[in-house]
Amino acid sequence: MTRVAAFFDIDETLITGKSMFDFLRFHLADERTPQVGQAARFAEWERLVGAVSRHTANQGYYRIYRDVPADLVRQQGRKWFARSRRTPGFIKPRVVGALVRHRLAGHRVVLVSGSFPACTQPLAEALGAHHVLCTVPVTGPDGLLTGEVDRSVIGPVKSQAVRELARREGISLPLSFGYGDHASDLPLLQEVGHPVVVGVDPELGRHADRNRWLRLDGVAA
């Protein structure tokens, strides 16, 4: 059976902020978080942001969590989300409304993000998403995060992950929908037959105008 899916970027598409940045502040403020070496790794990552590619910065972000128990990060993720979802303006209701309509229409709802399960899984459960394609940190045999990831699901890797899921789940990409807010989401949007640009990114706006893509302002509540 051929399936239709709706693929949603998360940061600044479904939610107003950047989940990785917001969660990191929450993580570092938690008294249970091990402090040894984290300050130096955080400083190095701050230096990378804006100076290197998004892919390299994404990998640098996860090195901050080296030697932190994976179970602790998962617990913190649920606490972070429970707090965040009560914050006015956290979600973009028009985009979430579109997600709900896709779900009610019987479409597979897929979240696609460079963020990681600590942030994406609680959101996916709250929204009733069927699949999550995201960056997964590597956990060592001792239960500690190694600081490495399986792959950074950003840019072209998003489209690769989408194609892999489509083959595995029998999803028709020409019949499917995609939602993104940033030029880095272009590889995702170009994989589907019905791309939707959320917000006002200039580069995505030019693609939308040239190709007559749908647009959604995605303003927060």
N, C-alpha and C. Protein backbone atom coordinates (compact mmCIF):
# COMPACT_ATOMS: atom_id res chain seq x y z
N MET A 1 0.83 -1.20 0.00
CA MET A 1 0.00 0.00 0.00
C MET A 1 0.88 1.26 0.00
N THR A 2 0.60 2.16 -0.93
CA THR A 2 1.35 3.41 -1.00
C THR A 2 0.88 4.36 0.10
N ARG A 3 1.82 4.93 0.80
CA ARG A 3 1.50 5.84 1.89
C ARG A 3 1.90 7.27 1.53
N VAL A 4 1.19 8.20 2.13
CA VAL A 4 1.53 9.62 2.02
C VAL A 4 2.07 10.06 3.37
N ALA A 5 3.10 10.87 3.37
CA ALA A 5 3.68 11.36 4.62
C ALA A 5 3.76 12.88 4.61
N ALA A 6 3.87 13.43 5.80
CA ALA A 6 4.12 14.86 5.99
C ALA A 6 5.37 14.97 6.84
N PHE A 7 6.44 15.54 6.27
CA PHE A 7 7.73 15.67 6.93
C PHE A 7 7.88 17.08 7.49
N PHE A 8 8.18 17.17 8.78
CA PHE A 8 8.29 18.47 9.44
C PHE A 8 9.68 18.67 10.04
N ASP A 9 10.36 19.73 9.63
CA ASP A 9 11.49 20.21 10.40
C ASP A 9 10.95 20.63 11.77
N ILE A 10 11.81 20.71 12.78
CA ILE A 10 11.35 21.06 14.13
C ILE A 10 11.69 22.51 14.50
N ASP A 11 12.98 22.81 14.60
CA ASP A 11 13.39 24.12 15.12
C ASP A 11 12.97 25.25 14.18
N GLU A 12 12.23 26.18 14.73
CA GLU A 12 11.72 27.36 14.04
C GLU A 12 10.74 27.01 12.91
N THR A 13 10.30 25.76 12.91
CA THR A 13 9.21 25.34 12.03
C THR A 13 8.00 24.93 12.87
N LEU A 14 8.16 23.87 13.66
CA LEU A 14 7.10 23.47 14.59
C LEU A 14 7.16 24.26 15.89
N ILE A 15 8.38 24.57 16.33
CA ILE A 15 8.55 25.36 17.55
C ILE A 15 9.27 26.66 17.20
N THR A 16 9.16 27.65 18.07
CA THR A 16 9.69 28.96 17.73
C THR A 16 11.20 29.07 17.89
N GLY A 17 11.78 28.31 18.80
CA GLY A 17 13.20 28.45 19.08
C GLY A 17 14.02 27.31 18.53
N LYS A 18 15.26 27.22 19.03
CA LYS A 18 16.17 26.15 18.65
C LYS A 18 16.28 25.20 19.83
N SER A 19 15.75 24.01 19.67
CA SER A 19 15.66 23.06 20.79
C SER A 19 17.02 22.73 21.37
N MET A 20 18.04 22.56 20.54
CA MET A 20 19.36 22.18 21.02
C MET A 20 19.94 23.26 21.93
N PHE A 21 19.81 24.52 21.54
CA PHE A 21 20.35 25.61 22.33
C PHE A 21 19.61 25.73 23.65
N ASP A 22 18.28 25.66 23.57
CA ASP A 22 17.46 25.83 24.78
C ASP A 22 17.70 24.67 25.74
N PHE A 23 17.77 23.44 25.20
CA PHE A 23 18.01 22.29 26.06
C PHE A 23 19.39 22.37 26.70
N LEU A 24 20.39 22.84 25.96
CA LEU A 24 21.74 22.92 26.51
C LEU A 24 21.77 23.82 27.74
N ARG A 25 21.07 24.94 27.69
CA ARG A 25 21.00 25.83 28.86
C ARG A 25 20.37 25.09 30.04
N PHE A 26 19.31 24.34 29.75
CA PHE A 26 18.64 23.57 30.80
C PHE A 26 19.59 22.51 31.37
N HIS A 27 20.29 21.82 30.50
CA HIS A 27 21.23 20.77 30.89
C HIS A 27 22.34 21.32 31.78
N LEU A 28 22.94 22.42 31.39
CA LEU A 28 24.07 22.97 32.14
C LEU A 28 23.64 23.54 33.49
N ALA A 29 22.37 23.94 33.59
CA ALA A 29 21.88 24.50 34.85
C ALA A 29 21.46 23.43 35.85
N ASP A 30 21.34 22.19 35.39
CA ASP A 30 20.90 21.09 36.25
C ASP A 30 22.07 20.68 37.15
N GLU A 31 21.84 20.63 38.45
CA GLU A 31 22.91 20.29 39.39
C GLU A 31 23.40 18.86 39.23
N ARG A 32 22.61 18.01 38.57
CA ARG A 32 23.03 16.62 38.36
C ARG A 32 24.00 16.46 37.20
N THR A 33 24.14 17.49 36.39
CA THR A 33 25.02 17.42 35.22
C THR A 33 26.48 17.43 35.64
N PRO A 34 27.27 16.45 35.21
CA PRO A 34 28.71 16.47 35.54
C PRO A 34 29.36 17.72 34.96
N GLN A 35 30.21 18.35 35.73
CA GLN A 35 30.81 19.62 35.30
C GLN A 35 32.21 19.47 34.73
N VAL A 36 32.85 18.34 34.96
CA VAL A 36 34.25 18.18 34.54
C VAL A 36 34.37 18.25 33.02
N GLY A 37 35.10 19.24 32.52
CA GLY A 37 35.37 19.36 31.09
C GLY A 37 34.29 20.02 30.27
N GLN A 38 33.10 20.15 30.84
CA GLN A 38 32.00 20.68 30.02
C GLN A 38 32.19 22.15 29.67
N ALA A 39 32.69 22.94 30.58
CA ALA A 39 32.87 24.36 30.32
C ALA A 39 33.80 24.59 29.13
N ALA A 40 34.90 23.83 29.06
CA ALA A 40 35.85 23.98 27.96
C ALA A 40 35.23 23.54 26.64
N ARG A 41 34.47 22.44 26.67
CA ARG A 41 33.84 21.96 25.43
C ARG A 41 32.76 22.94 24.97
N PHE A 42 32.03 23.52 25.92
CA PHE A 42 31.00 24.51 25.56
C PHE A 42 31.65 25.74 24.93
N ALA A 43 32.75 26.20 25.50
CA ALA A 43 33.45 27.36 24.96
C ALA A 43 33.96 27.09 23.54
N GLU A 44 34.46 25.88 23.32
CA GLU A 44 34.94 25.51 21.99
C GLU A 44 33.79 25.48 20.99
N TRP A 45 32.65 24.97 21.41
CA TRP A 45 31.49 24.93 20.52
C TRP A 45 31.00 26.34 20.21
N GLU A 46 30.95 27.21 21.19
CA GLU A 46 30.56 28.61 20.94
C GLU A 46 31.48 29.26 19.92
N ARG A 47 32.76 28.93 19.97
CA ARG A 47 33.70 29.47 19.01
C ARG A 47 33.40 28.97 17.60
N LEU A 48 32.95 27.72 17.50
CA LEU A 48 32.67 27.13 16.20
C LEU A 48 31.43 27.72 15.54
N VAL A 49 30.41 28.03 16.33
CA VAL A 49 29.14 28.49 15.78
C VAL A 49 29.35 29.78 15.00
N GLY A 50 28.91 29.78 13.76
CA GLY A 50 29.06 30.96 12.92
C GLY A 50 30.38 31.01 12.18
N ALA A 51 31.35 30.19 12.59
CA ALA A 51 32.67 30.23 11.96
C ALA A 51 32.91 29.02 11.06
N VAL A 52 32.08 28.00 11.20
CA VAL A 52 32.24 26.78 10.41
C VAL A 52 30.89 26.38 9.84
N SER A 53 30.87 25.31 9.07
CA SER A 53 29.62 24.83 8.49
C SER A 53 28.66 24.37 9.58
N ARG A 54 27.38 24.36 9.23
CA ARG A 54 26.38 23.88 10.18
C ARG A 54 26.65 22.42 10.57
N HIS A 55 27.16 21.64 9.62
CA HIS A 55 27.46 20.23 9.89
C HIS A 55 28.55 20.11 10.95
N THR A 56 29.61 20.88 10.82
CA THR A 56 30.71 20.82 11.78
C THR A 56 30.27 21.34 13.14
N ALA A 57 29.50 22.43 13.14
CA ALA A 57 29.00 22.97 14.40
C ALA A 57 28.07 21.99 15.09
N ASN A 58 27.26 21.28 14.29
CA ASN A 58 26.35 20.29 14.85
C ASN A 58 27.13 19.18 15.55
N GLN A 59 28.20 18.70 14.92
CA GLN A 59 29.01 17.65 15.54
C GLN A 59 29.71 18.17 16.80
N GLY A 60 30.16 19.42 16.75
CA GLY A 60 30.80 20.02 17.92
C GLY A 60 29.85 20.14 19.10
N TYR A 61 28.59 20.40 18.81
CA TYR A 61 27.58 20.50 19.87
C TYR A 61 27.52 19.23 20.69
N TYR A 62 27.51 18.09 20.05
CA TYR A 62 27.33 16.82 20.77
C TYR A 62 28.56 16.42 21.57
N ARG A 63 29.71 16.99 21.22
CA ARG A 63 30.90 16.71 22.02
C ARG A 63 30.81 17.32 23.42
N ILE A 64 29.93 18.29 23.59
CA ILE A 64 29.73 18.88 24.92
C ILE A 64 29.23 17.82 25.90
N TYR A 65 28.50 16.83 25.40
CA TYR A 65 27.88 15.83 26.27
C TYR A 65 28.77 14.62 26.53
N ARG A 66 30.02 14.66 26.11
CA ARG A 66 30.91 13.52 26.32
C ARG A 66 31.03 13.19 27.81
N ASP A 67 30.90 11.91 28.13
CA ASP A 67 31.02 11.37 29.49
C ASP A 67 29.82 11.70 30.38
N VAL A 68 28.73 12.15 29.78
CA VAL A 68 27.49 12.37 30.53
C VAL A 68 26.62 11.12 30.39
N PRO A 69 26.00 10.64 31.46
CA PRO A 69 25.13 9.45 31.34
C PRO A 69 23.98 9.69 30.36
N ALA A 70 23.80 8.77 29.45
CA ALA A 70 22.73 8.90 28.46
C ALA A 70 21.36 8.94 29.14
N ASP A 71 21.18 8.16 30.20
CA ASP A 71 19.90 8.15 30.92
C ASP A 71 19.59 9.52 31.52
N LEU A 72 20.61 10.20 32.01
CA LEU A 72 20.41 11.53 32.59
C LEU A 72 19.94 12.51 31.52
N VAL A 73 20.54 12.46 30.34
CA VAL A 73 20.15 13.36 29.25
C VAL A 73 18.70 13.09 28.83
N ARG A 74 18.32 11.80 28.78
CA ARG A 74 16.93 11.48 28.44
C ARG A 74 15.97 12.05 29.48
N GLN A 75 16.29 11.88 30.76
CA GLN A 75 15.44 12.42 31.82
C GLN A 75 15.35 13.94 31.73
N GLN A 76 16.48 14.57 31.49
CA GLN A 76 16.49 16.03 31.37
C GLN A 76 15.65 16.48 30.17
N GLY A 77 15.70 15.71 29.09
CA GLY A 77 14.91 16.05 27.91
C GLY A 77 13.42 16.09 28.22
N ARG A 78 12.95 15.13 28.98
CA ARG A 78 11.52 15.11 29.31
C ARG A 78 11.16 16.27 30.24
N LYS A 79 12.04 16.59 31.17
CA LYS A 79 11.79 17.72 32.05
C LYS A 79 11.84 19.04 31.28
N TRP A 80 12.81 19.13 30.37
CA TRP A 80 12.91 20.34 29.54
C TRP A 80 11.64 20.54 28.72
N PHE A 81 11.14 19.46 28.12
CA PHE A 81 9.96 19.59 27.28
C PHE A 81 8.72 19.91 28.12
N ALA A 82 8.60 19.27 29.28
CA ALA A 82 7.44 19.55 30.14
C ALA A 82 7.41 21.02 30.53
N ARG A 83 8.58 21.61 30.77
CA ARG A 83 8.63 23.03 31.09
C ARG A 83 8.36 23.89 29.86
N SER A 84 8.98 23.52 28.74
CA SER A 84 8.89 24.34 27.54
C SER A 84 7.47 24.39 26.98
N ARG A 85 6.76 23.27 27.02
CA ARG A 85 5.43 23.25 26.41
C ARG A 85 4.44 24.14 27.16
N ARG A 86 4.77 24.51 28.39
CA ARG A 86 3.93 25.43 29.15
C ARG A 86 4.28 26.89 28.90
N THR A 87 5.35 27.11 28.15
CA THR A 87 5.80 28.47 27.87
C THR A 87 5.01 29.06 26.71
N PRO A 88 4.34 30.20 26.90
CA PRO A 88 3.60 30.81 25.79
C PRO A 88 4.51 31.06 24.59
N GLY A 89 4.01 30.70 23.42
CA GLY A 89 4.77 30.92 22.21
C GLY A 89 5.76 29.82 21.87
N PHE A 90 5.80 28.76 22.64
CA PHE A 90 6.77 27.69 22.38
C PHE A 90 6.52 27.01 21.04
N ILE A 91 5.25 26.74 20.74
CA ILE A 91 4.92 26.09 19.48
C ILE A 91 4.39 27.13 18.48
N LYS A 92 4.38 26.73 17.22
CA LYS A 92 3.75 27.53 16.17
C LYS A 92 2.41 26.88 15.84
N PRO A 93 1.31 27.43 16.35
CA PRO A 93 0.03 26.73 16.27
C PRO A 93 -0.46 26.46 14.85
N ARG A 94 -0.13 27.34 13.90
CA ARG A 94 -0.60 27.09 12.53
C ARG A 94 0.11 25.90 11.91
N VAL A 95 1.37 25.74 12.25
CA VAL A 95 2.12 24.61 11.71
C VAL A 95 1.68 23.32 12.42
N VAL A 96 1.52 23.38 13.73
CA VAL A 96 1.02 22.22 14.46
C VAL A 96 -0.39 21.87 13.98
N GLY A 97 -1.20 22.88 13.67
CA GLY A 97 -2.53 22.62 13.12
C GLY A 97 -2.46 21.86 11.81
N ALA A 98 -1.50 22.24 10.96
CA ALA A 98 -1.31 21.51 9.70
C ALA A 98 -0.90 20.07 9.98
N LEU A 99 -0.03 19.88 10.96
CA LEU A 99 0.39 18.52 11.33
C LEU A 99 -0.81 17.68 11.76
N VAL A 100 -1.65 18.24 12.58
CA VAL A 100 -2.82 17.51 13.06
C VAL A 100 -3.74 17.15 11.89
N ARG A 101 -3.90 18.06 10.93
CA ARG A 101 -4.75 17.77 9.78
C ARG A 101 -4.17 16.63 8.94
N HIS A 102 -2.86 16.62 8.80
CA HIS A 102 -2.23 15.50 8.09
C HIS A 102 -2.48 14.18 8.82
N ARG A 103 -2.32 14.22 10.12
CA ARG A 103 -2.51 12.99 10.90
C ARG A 103 -3.95 12.49 10.76
N LEU A 104 -4.92 13.40 10.84
CA LEU A 104 -6.33 13.03 10.73
C LEU A 104 -6.66 12.51 9.32
N ALA A 105 -5.89 12.96 8.33
CA ALA A 105 -6.10 12.50 6.95
C ALA A 105 -5.48 11.13 6.71
N GLY A 106 -4.81 10.60 7.72
CA GLY A 106 -4.19 9.28 7.60
C GLY A 106 -2.77 9.32 7.07
N HIS A 107 -2.18 10.52 7.00
CA HIS A 107 -0.80 10.63 6.53
C HIS A 107 0.17 10.24 7.64
N ARG A 108 1.31 9.70 7.28
CA ARG A 108 2.36 9.43 8.26
C ARG A 108 3.04 10.76 8.61
N VAL A 109 3.12 11.04 9.89
CA VAL A 109 3.75 12.28 10.34
C VAL A 109 5.19 11.97 10.75
N VAL A 110 6.13 12.69 10.16
CA VAL A 110 7.55 12.43 10.37
C VAL A 110 8.25 13.73 10.79
N LEU A 111 8.96 13.69 11.91
CA LEU A 111 9.76 14.82 12.34
C LEU A 111 11.19 14.61 11.88
N VAL A 112 11.81 15.65 11.31
CA VAL A 112 13.15 15.54 10.75
C VAL A 112 13.99 16.68 11.31
N SER A 113 15.08 16.34 12.01
CA SER A 113 15.81 17.39 12.71
C SER A 113 17.26 17.03 12.97
N GLY A 114 18.11 18.04 13.02
CA GLY A 114 19.49 17.86 13.46
C GLY A 114 19.60 17.75 14.96
N SER A 115 18.49 18.00 15.66
CA SER A 115 18.46 17.85 17.11
C SER A 115 18.46 16.37 17.46
N PHE A 116 18.37 16.04 18.75
CA PHE A 116 18.56 14.65 19.18
C PHE A 116 17.39 14.18 20.03
N PRO A 117 17.30 12.87 20.29
CA PRO A 117 16.10 12.32 20.92
C PRO A 117 15.70 12.97 22.23
N ALA A 118 16.65 13.48 23.02
CA ALA A 118 16.27 14.15 24.26
C ALA A 118 15.26 15.26 24.00
N CYS A 119 15.39 15.93 22.86
CA CYS A 119 14.47 17.02 22.50
C CYS A 119 13.34 16.55 21.59
N THR A 120 13.66 15.66 20.65
CA THR A 120 12.68 15.32 19.63
C THR A 120 11.65 14.29 20.08
N GLN A 121 12.05 13.34 20.93
CA GLN A 121 11.13 12.26 21.29
C GLN A 121 9.93 12.74 22.11
N PRO A 122 10.14 13.58 23.14
CA PRO A 122 8.96 14.07 23.87
C PRO A 122 8.00 14.86 22.98
N LEU A 123 8.56 15.64 22.06
CA LEU A 123 7.71 16.41 21.14
C LEU A 123 6.95 15.47 20.21
N ALA A 124 7.63 14.46 19.69
CA ALA A 124 6.99 13.51 18.80
C ALA A 124 5.83 12.79 19.49
N GLU A 125 6.03 12.41 20.74
CA GLU A 125 4.97 11.74 21.49
C GLU A 125 3.79 12.67 21.73
N ALA A 126 4.07 13.92 22.03
CA ALA A 126 2.99 14.88 22.28
C ALA A 126 2.18 15.16 21.02
N LEU A 127 2.84 15.14 19.86
CA LEU A 127 2.16 15.46 18.61
C LEU A 127 1.62 14.23 17.88
N GLY A 128 1.92 13.06 18.40
CA GLY A 128 1.45 11.84 17.75
C GLY A 128 2.17 11.54 16.45
N ALA A 129 3.45 11.91 16.35
CA ALA A 129 4.24 11.62 15.15
C ALA A 129 4.52 10.13 15.04
N HIS A 130 4.60 9.66 13.82
CA HIS A 130 4.84 8.23 13.59
C HIS A 130 6.33 7.88 13.54
N HIS A 131 7.14 8.82 13.08
CA HIS A 131 8.57 8.56 12.94
C HIS A 131 9.36 9.82 13.30
N VAL A 132 10.58 9.61 13.77
CA VAL A 132 11.50 10.72 14.04
C VAL A 132 12.83 10.40 13.36
N LEU A 133 13.27 11.30 12.51
CA LEU A 133 14.58 11.19 11.87
C LEU A 133 15.45 12.29 12.46
N CYS A 134 16.42 11.91 13.27
CA CYS A 134 17.21 12.93 13.97
C CYS A 134 18.62 12.43 14.21
N THR A 135 19.45 13.31 14.74
CA THR A 135 20.81 12.97 15.09
C THR A 135 20.80 12.14 16.37
N VAL A 136 21.48 11.00 16.36
CA VAL A 136 21.49 10.12 17.53
C VAL A 136 22.90 10.05 18.11
N PRO A 137 23.11 10.56 19.32
CA PRO A 137 24.43 10.46 19.96
C PRO A 137 24.79 9.00 20.25
N VAL A 138 26.07 8.72 20.18
CA VAL A 138 26.56 7.37 20.44
C VAL A 138 26.74 7.17 21.95
N THR A 139 26.22 6.06 22.46
CA THR A 139 26.37 5.70 23.87
C THR A 139 27.36 4.56 23.99
N GLY A 140 28.34 4.72 24.88
CA GLY A 140 29.35 3.69 25.08
C GLY A 140 28.82 2.54 25.92
N PRO A 141 29.56 1.45 26.05
CA PRO A 141 29.12 0.30 26.84
C PRO A 141 28.95 0.62 28.32
N ASP A 142 29.54 1.73 28.77
CA ASP A 142 29.39 2.15 30.16
C ASP A 142 28.17 3.02 30.39
N GLY A 143 27.37 3.24 29.34
CA GLY A 143 26.17 4.05 29.47
C GLY A 143 26.42 5.54 29.36
N LEU A 144 27.67 5.92 29.08
CA LEU A 144 28.01 7.34 28.95
C LEU A 144 28.04 7.72 27.47
N LEU A 145 27.64 8.95 27.18
CA LEU A 145 27.72 9.44 25.82
C LEU A 145 29.19 9.63 25.43
N THR A 146 29.53 9.27 24.20
CA THR A 146 30.91 9.35 23.76
C THR A 146 31.28 10.71 23.18
N GLY A 147 30.28 11.52 22.87
CA GLY A 147 30.52 12.79 22.21
C GLY A 147 30.44 12.69 20.69
N GLU A 148 30.30 11.47 20.18
CA GLU A 148 30.15 11.25 18.74
C GLU A 148 28.68 10.99 18.41
N VAL A 149 28.36 11.07 17.12
CA VAL A 149 26.99 10.82 16.67
C VAL A 149 27.01 9.84 15.52
N ASP A 150 25.84 9.23 15.26
CA ASP A 150 25.77 8.31 14.13
C ASP A 150 25.90 9.08 12.82
N ARG A 151 25.17 10.16 12.69
CA ARG A 151 25.27 11.09 11.57
C ARG A 151 24.48 12.34 11.94
N SER A 152 24.90 13.48 11.42
CA SER A 152 24.19 14.73 11.69
C SER A 152 23.08 14.88 10.65
N VAL A 153 21.84 14.87 11.10
CA VAL A 153 20.71 14.92 10.17
C VAL A 153 20.39 16.37 9.85
N ILE A 154 21.25 16.97 9.05
CA ILE A 154 21.06 18.33 8.58
C ILE A 154 21.42 18.39 7.10
N GLY A 155 20.88 19.40 6.40
CA GLY A 155 21.19 19.58 4.98
C GLY A 155 20.90 18.35 4.15
N PRO A 156 21.86 17.94 3.31
CA PRO A 156 21.63 16.79 2.42
C PRO A 156 21.31 15.49 3.14
N VAL A 157 21.77 15.35 4.39
CA VAL A 157 21.49 14.12 5.13
C VAL A 157 20.00 14.01 5.44
N LYS A 158 19.32 15.16 5.55
CA LYS A 158 17.86 15.10 5.75
C LYS A 158 17.19 14.40 4.58
N SER A 159 17.58 14.78 3.36
CA SER A 159 16.95 14.15 2.20
C SER A 159 17.31 12.67 2.12
N GLN A 160 18.54 12.32 2.49
CA GLN A 160 18.94 10.91 2.50
C GLN A 160 18.09 10.12 3.49
N ALA A 161 17.90 10.67 4.70
CA ALA A 161 17.09 9.99 5.72
C ALA A 161 15.64 9.85 5.28
N VAL A 162 15.13 10.86 4.59
CA VAL A 162 13.76 10.82 4.09
C VAL A 162 13.60 9.73 3.04
N ARG A 163 14.56 9.64 2.13
CA ARG A 163 14.48 8.61 1.08
C ARG A 163 14.56 7.21 1.69
N GLU A 164 15.42 7.04 2.68
CA GLU A 164 15.55 5.73 3.33
C GLU A 164 14.23 5.33 3.99
N LEU A 165 13.60 6.26 4.70
CA LEU A 165 12.33 5.96 5.36
C LEU A 165 11.25 5.66 4.32
N ALA A 166 11.24 6.42 3.23
CA ALA A 166 10.23 6.21 2.19
C ALA A 166 10.33 4.81 1.61
N ARG A 167 11.56 4.36 1.34
CA ARG A 167 11.74 3.00 0.81
C ARG A 167 11.27 1.96 1.82
N ARG A 168 11.63 2.19 3.09
CA ARG A 168 11.32 1.20 4.13
C ARG A 168 9.82 1.11 4.42
N GLU A 169 9.12 2.26 4.36
CA GLU A 169 7.72 2.31 4.78
C GLU A 169 6.74 2.40 3.62
N GLY A 170 7.24 2.34 2.38
CA GLY A 170 6.34 2.41 1.23
C GLY A 170 5.68 3.76 1.06
N ILE A 171 6.43 4.82 1.34
CA ILE A 171 5.90 6.18 1.24
C ILE A 171 6.17 6.75 -0.15
N SER A 172 5.15 7.33 -0.75
CA SER A 172 5.31 8.01 -2.05
C SER A 172 5.76 9.44 -1.79
N LEU A 173 7.00 9.77 -2.12
CA LEU A 173 7.48 11.14 -1.92
C LEU A 173 6.80 12.14 -2.85
N PRO A 174 6.50 11.80 -4.11
CA PRO A 174 5.78 12.76 -4.95
C PRO A 174 4.41 13.15 -4.41
N LEU A 175 3.80 12.27 -3.62
CA LEU A 175 2.49 12.59 -3.04
C LEU A 175 2.60 13.21 -1.65
N SER A 176 3.80 13.27 -1.13
CA SER A 176 3.99 13.69 0.26
C SER A 176 4.27 15.18 0.39
N PHE A 177 4.28 15.63 1.66
CA PHE A 177 4.41 17.04 2.01
C PHE A 177 5.67 17.26 2.85
N GLY A 178 6.22 18.44 2.78
CA GLY A 178 7.37 18.78 3.60
C GLY A 178 7.27 20.21 4.09
N TYR A 179 7.69 20.45 5.33
CA TYR A 179 7.62 21.78 5.94
C TYR A 179 9.00 22.15 6.48
N GLY A 180 9.49 23.33 6.12
CA GLY A 180 10.78 23.79 6.61
C GLY A 180 10.85 25.30 6.62
N ASP A 181 11.79 25.83 7.41
CA ASP A 181 11.86 27.28 7.59
C ASP A 181 13.17 27.90 7.10
N HIS A 182 14.18 27.08 6.79
CA HIS A 182 15.53 27.61 6.54
C HIS A 182 16.08 27.00 5.25
N ALA A 183 17.03 27.72 4.66
CA ALA A 183 17.63 27.23 3.41
C ALA A 183 18.23 25.84 3.57
N SER A 184 18.67 25.50 4.78
CA SER A 184 19.23 24.16 5.01
C SER A 184 18.16 23.07 4.89
N ASP A 185 16.89 23.47 4.86
CA ASP A 185 15.80 22.50 4.69
C ASP A 185 15.48 22.23 3.22
N LEU A 186 16.16 22.94 2.31
CA LEU A 186 15.88 22.74 0.89
C LEU A 186 16.02 21.28 0.45
N PRO A 187 17.07 20.56 0.86
CA PRO A 187 17.15 19.16 0.43
C PRO A 187 15.93 18.34 0.84
N LEU A 188 15.37 18.65 2.01
CA LEU A 188 14.16 17.97 2.45
C LEU A 188 12.98 18.38 1.58
N LEU A 189 12.80 19.67 1.38
CA LEU A 189 11.63 20.17 0.64
C LEU A 189 11.65 19.72 -0.81
N GLN A 190 12.84 19.58 -1.38
CA GLN A 190 12.94 19.18 -2.78
C GLN A 190 12.68 17.69 -2.99
N GLU A 191 12.60 16.93 -1.91
CA GLU A 191 12.32 15.49 -2.03
C GLU A 191 10.84 15.20 -2.20
N VAL A 192 9.98 16.14 -1.81
CA VAL A 192 8.54 15.86 -1.78
C VAL A 192 7.81 16.62 -2.87
N GLY A 193 6.61 16.14 -3.16
CA GLY A 193 5.82 16.78 -4.19
C GLY A 193 5.12 18.04 -3.75
N HIS A 194 4.96 18.20 -2.43
CA HIS A 194 4.22 19.35 -1.91
C HIS A 194 5.03 20.05 -0.82
N PRO A 195 6.02 20.87 -1.19
CA PRO A 195 6.82 21.58 -0.19
C PRO A 195 6.05 22.78 0.36
N VAL A 196 6.25 23.06 1.64
CA VAL A 196 5.62 24.22 2.29
C VAL A 196 6.71 24.99 3.02
N VAL A 197 6.85 26.27 2.69
CA VAL A 197 7.84 27.13 3.33
C VAL A 197 7.19 27.82 4.53
N VAL A 198 7.81 27.66 5.68
CA VAL A 198 7.31 28.27 6.92
C VAL A 198 8.17 29.50 7.22
N GLY A 199 7.53 30.65 7.41
CA GLY A 199 8.27 31.84 7.78
C GLY A 199 8.77 32.61 6.58
N VAL A 200 9.84 33.40 6.79
CA VAL A 200 10.23 34.40 5.80
C VAL A 200 11.69 34.30 5.37
N ASP A 201 12.28 33.12 5.44
CA ASP A 201 13.66 32.98 4.99
C ASP A 201 13.77 33.43 3.54
N PRO A 202 14.68 34.37 3.23
CA PRO A 202 14.76 34.93 1.87
C PRO A 202 15.03 33.88 0.79
N GLU A 203 15.98 32.98 1.05
CA GLU A 203 16.31 31.99 0.03
C GLU A 203 15.15 31.04 -0.22
N LEU A 204 14.52 30.57 0.86
CA LEU A 204 13.35 29.69 0.68
C LEU A 204 12.23 30.46 -0.01
N GLY A 205 12.09 31.74 0.32
CA GLY A 205 11.06 32.55 -0.32
C GLY A 205 11.24 32.63 -1.82
N ARG A 206 12.48 32.75 -2.26
CA ARG A 206 12.73 32.80 -3.71
C ARG A 206 12.36 31.48 -4.37
N HIS A 207 12.68 30.37 -3.70
CA HIS A 207 12.29 29.06 -4.24
C HIS A 207 10.78 28.93 -4.28
N ALA A 208 10.13 29.40 -3.25
CA ALA A 208 8.66 29.31 -3.20
C ALA A 208 8.03 30.11 -4.34
N ASP A 209 8.54 31.31 -4.55
CA ASP A 209 7.97 32.16 -5.60
C ASP A 209 8.24 31.55 -6.98
N ARG A 210 9.46 31.05 -7.19
CA ARG A 210 9.84 30.52 -8.50
C ARG A 210 9.09 29.23 -8.83
N ASN A 211 8.88 28.39 -7.79
CA ASN A 211 8.27 27.08 -8.02
C ASN A 211 6.82 26.98 -7.58
N ARG A 212 6.28 28.11 -7.13
CA ARG A 212 4.88 28.16 -6.69
C ARG A 212 4.61 27.20 -5.54
N TRP A 213 5.56 27.18 -4.60
CA TRP A 213 5.38 26.38 -3.40
C TRP A 213 4.40 27.09 -2.46
N LEU A 214 3.75 26.28 -1.64
CA LEU A 214 2.88 26.85 -0.62
C LEU A 214 3.72 27.55 0.46
N ARG A 215 3.12 28.55 1.11
CA ARG A 215 3.82 29.26 2.19
C ARG A 215 2.89 29.34 3.39
N LEU A 216 3.51 29.30 4.57
CA LEU A 216 2.78 29.35 5.84
C LEU A 216 3.57 30.27 6.76
N ASP A 217 2.91 31.28 7.32
CA ASP A 217 3.69 32.25 8.12
C ASP A 217 4.23 31.64 9.40
N GLY A 218 3.51 30.69 9.98
CA GLY A 218 4.04 29.96 11.14
C GLY A 218 4.21 30.79 12.39
N VAL A 219 3.46 31.88 12.53
CA VAL A 219 3.62 32.72 13.71
C VAL A 219 3.24 31.95 14.96
N ALA A 220 3.87 32.33 16.08
CA ALA A 220 3.60 31.67 17.36
C ALA A 220 2.32 32.20 17.95
N ALA A 221 1.82 31.47 18.97
CA ALA A 221 0.61 31.91 19.66
C ALA A 221 0.89 33.15 20.46
